[in-house]
Protein backbone atom coordinates (compact mmCIF):
# COMPACT_ATOMS: atom_id res chain seq x y z
CA MET A 1 6.45 -24.96 5.44
CA VAL A 2 7.01 -22.44 8.28
CA GLN A 3 5.42 -23.23 11.81
CA ALA A 4 4.87 -20.87 14.71
CA TRP A 5 3.81 -21.93 18.17
CA PHE A 6 3.52 -20.57 21.55
CA MET A 7 6.60 -21.15 23.75
CA ALA A 8 6.30 -22.87 27.06
CA GLU A 9 6.66 -20.20 29.84
CA ASN A 10 9.26 -21.05 31.96
CA TRP A 11 11.35 -23.43 29.90
CA SER A 12 15.10 -24.40 30.87
CA GLY A 13 17.68 -26.02 28.91
CA ASP A 14 19.02 -25.49 25.52
CA GLN A 15 17.65 -22.58 23.64
CA ARG A 16 17.97 -24.52 20.52
CA GLU A 17 15.40 -27.02 21.61
CA GLU A 18 11.63 -26.35 20.34
CA HIS A 19 10.22 -25.67 23.82
CA HIS A 20 6.67 -26.36 23.04
CA MET A 21 3.61 -25.80 25.71
CA GLN A 22 1.94 -29.06 26.92
CA PRO A 23 0.22 -29.76 24.62
CA PRO A 24 1.54 -27.66 21.94
CA GLU A 25 -0.30 -24.62 20.73
CA PHE A 26 0.44 -24.02 17.05
CA ILE A 27 -0.32 -20.72 15.32
CA GLU A 28 -1.52 -20.15 11.83
CA LEU A 29 0.33 -17.76 9.86
CA ASP A 30 -2.67 -15.28 9.65
CA THR A 31 -2.95 -15.19 13.49
CA LEU A 32 1.00 -14.66 13.57
CA TYR A 33 0.50 -11.38 11.54
CA LYS A 34 -2.51 -10.39 13.58
CA LEU A 35 -0.76 -10.77 17.00
CA THR A 36 2.94 -9.58 15.60
CA LEU A 37 2.63 -7.97 12.31
CA VAL A 38 5.50 -10.52 11.14
CA GLU A 39 5.21 -11.34 7.66
CA HIS A 40 6.07 -14.50 5.86
CA PHE A 41 6.38 -15.51 2.36
CA LYS A 42 7.81 -18.53 0.59
CA VAL A 43 10.11 -18.08 -2.18
CA ASN A 44 12.03 -20.34 -4.58
CA GLU A 45 14.56 -21.97 -2.40
CA SER A 46 16.58 -23.33 -5.27
CA ASP A 47 16.77 -19.79 -7.04
CA PRO A 48 15.96 -17.09 -4.88
CA THR A 49 17.58 -14.65 -7.15
CA ASN A 50 15.07 -15.14 -9.77
CA ASP A 51 12.22 -15.49 -7.66
CA LYS A 52 9.24 -13.02 -8.94
CA LEU A 53 7.80 -12.50 -5.54
CA LEU A 54 11.09 -11.73 -3.82
CA ASN A 55 12.08 -9.28 -6.52
CA SER A 56 8.57 -7.69 -6.29
CA ILE A 57 8.85 -7.23 -2.59
CA LYS A 58 12.50 -5.99 -2.62
CA LYS A 59 11.35 -3.22 -5.35
CA GLU A 60 8.06 -2.51 -3.43
CA ARG A 61 9.92 -1.90 0.07
CA GLY A 62 12.94 -0.40 -1.38
CA TYR A 63 15.53 -3.08 -0.20
CA SER A 64 18.67 -1.81 -2.13
CA TYR A 65 21.38 -3.62 -0.18
CA GLU A 66 21.65 -7.18 0.64
CA ASP A 67 24.41 -9.72 2.14
CA GLU A 68 24.55 -13.13 3.36
CA ILE A 69 25.38 -14.63 6.95
CA THR A 70 26.37 -17.95 7.78
CA CYS A 71 25.92 -18.91 11.36
CA SER A 72 27.70 -22.23 12.44
CA LYS A 73 30.85 -23.02 14.62
CA GLU A 74 33.24 -23.28 11.61
CA CYS A 75 31.94 -20.16 9.87
CA LEU A 76 31.09 -17.40 12.44
CA PRO A 77 33.72 -15.78 14.40
CA ASN A 78 33.14 -15.76 18.01
CA TYR A 79 30.37 -18.41 17.52
CA GLU A 80 29.36 -18.63 21.28
CA SER A 81 29.27 -14.84 21.99
CA LYS A 82 27.40 -14.16 18.85
CA LEU A 83 24.63 -16.62 19.69
CA LYS A 84 24.32 -15.20 23.12
CA MET A 85 24.05 -11.72 21.49
CA PHE A 86 21.54 -12.96 18.85
CA PHE A 87 19.41 -14.44 21.81
CA GLU A 88 19.16 -11.44 23.89
CA GLU A 89 15.36 -9.78 23.69
CA HIS A 90 15.90 -6.63 21.52
CA LEU A 91 14.11 -4.56 18.86
CA HIS A 92 15.47 -2.51 15.93
CA THR A 93 14.52 0.85 14.44
CA ASP A 94 14.14 -0.72 10.81
CA GLU A 95 12.65 -4.06 9.61
CA GLU A 96 14.58 -7.24 9.91
CA ILE A 97 14.40 -9.29 6.83
CA ARG A 98 15.82 -12.64 6.53
CA LEU A 99 15.73 -15.22 3.58
CA VAL A 100 16.85 -18.71 4.83
CA LEU A 101 18.85 -20.32 2.13
CA GLU A 102 20.38 -23.26 3.69
CA GLY A 103 19.90 -24.89 7.12
CA SER A 104 17.15 -23.79 9.65
CA GLY A 105 16.85 -21.85 13.30
CA TYR A 106 14.21 -19.98 15.27
CA PHE A 107 12.96 -16.32 15.40
CA ASP A 108 11.31 -15.54 18.73
CA VAL A 109 8.92 -12.56 18.66
CA ARG A 110 6.75 -11.20 21.47
CA ASP A 111 3.02 -11.18 20.99
CA GLY A 112 1.92 -7.70 20.74
CA VAL A 113 -1.06 -8.43 22.76
CA ASN A 114 -0.05 -10.43 25.84
CA ASP A 115 3.63 -10.23 25.54
CA ARG A 116 4.10 -14.11 25.02
CA TRP A 117 6.59 -15.59 23.37
CA ILE A 118 5.94 -17.07 19.63
CA ARG A 119 8.91 -19.41 18.37
CA ILE A 120 8.85 -19.30 14.40
CA LYS A 121 10.83 -22.09 12.70
CA VAL A 122 12.65 -21.08 9.68
CA GLU A 123 13.98 -23.23 6.67
CA PRO A 124 15.22 -22.67 3.24
CA GLY A 125 12.82 -20.32 1.08
CA ASP A 126 11.29 -18.80 4.22
CA LEU A 127 11.50 -15.15 4.04
CA LEU A 128 10.47 -13.27 7.35
CA ILE A 129 10.01 -9.52 7.61
CA ILE A 130 10.08 -8.68 11.17
CA PRO A 131 8.54 -5.02 11.79
CA LYS A 132 10.52 -2.27 13.47
CA GLY A 133 9.71 -2.05 17.41
CA ILE A 134 9.03 -5.45 18.02
CA TYR A 135 10.90 -7.46 20.75
CA HIS A 136 12.32 -10.55 19.35
CA ARG A 137 15.55 -12.69 19.39
CA PHE A 138 17.14 -15.31 17.20
CA THR A 139 18.85 -18.69 17.94
CA LEU A 140 19.86 -21.75 15.79
CA ASP A 141 18.01 -25.00 16.17
CA THR A 142 20.10 -28.15 17.24
CA ASN A 143 21.39 -28.64 13.64
CA ASN A 144 23.47 -25.67 14.39
CA PHE A 145 23.71 -24.02 10.86
CA ILE A 146 21.81 -21.54 8.82
CA LYS A 147 22.76 -19.42 5.87
CA ALA A 148 20.63 -16.43 5.15
CA LYS A 149 20.24 -13.60 3.07
CA ARG A 150 19.70 -10.01 4.89
CA PHE A 151 17.91 -7.22 3.20
CA PHE A 152 18.34 -3.47 4.14
CA VAL A 153 16.89 -0.17 2.67
CA GLY A 154 20.22 1.72 2.15
CA GLU A 155 23.29 1.04 3.97
CA PRO A 156 22.94 -2.00 6.57
CA VAL A 157 22.11 -0.73 9.96
CA TRP A 158 21.92 -3.59 12.57
CA THR A 159 21.61 -2.00 15.78
CA PRO A 160 20.01 -3.88 18.63
CA HIS A 161 18.23 -2.08 21.47
CA ASN A 162 17.95 -4.57 24.40
CA ARG A 163 14.40 -4.59 26.45
CA PRO A 164 13.55 -2.44 28.04
CA ALA A 165 13.06 0.01 25.12
CA ASP A 166 9.58 0.92 25.65
CA ASP A 167 10.38 4.86 25.12
CA MET A 168 11.62 4.66 21.69
CA ASN A 169 9.50 5.87 18.90
CA CYS A 170 9.78 2.71 16.82
CA ARG A 171 8.27 0.83 19.87
CA LYS A 172 5.83 3.20 20.49
CA GLU A 173 4.61 2.98 16.61
CA TYR A 174 4.69 -0.78 16.67
CA LEU A 175 2.38 -0.79 19.55
CA ASN A 176 -0.10 1.62 17.88
CA GLN A 177 0.01 -0.45 14.85
CA ILE A 178 -0.99 -3.74 16.62
CA ILE A 179 -3.75 -1.97 18.60
CA SER A 180 -5.37 -0.62 15.24
CA CYS A 181 -5.18 -4.12 13.53
């Protein structure tokens, strides 16, 4: 089951640790959506290709291209520099859709109301849809391995726009959506 929590504000050390507040402040999925517009779905981790929910979401949202990415020291060229790049706070002009097939990791997203970091732990079967315009980042956890499917509308575009990017239209649209929720 996916877990989400507010991160400690001035944490230090390994980004792959949980970094809970003291005491921990967990967030229910409906609250996560209200604060960030991040959507979570649980799909059949043993047979995602034939999962009805996943196929329905792909059709409804027009995801026509998919690929897989494996992040580990053994499989990802330039592993250390890629992890640093993924952990830079950024946004995209398109949704970021990830289905975890194996392993685990964290997506950190900014609370759209107070700009606080929320850490989302993902494991096999977790499908996250991160809206365009939200500041976010990714890191592995201490297991140092994740294999995920990435979904795109049309040809893949994965261009990160590092913070600050507040003048971008996708950011303004995202903030307007948060305000209207």
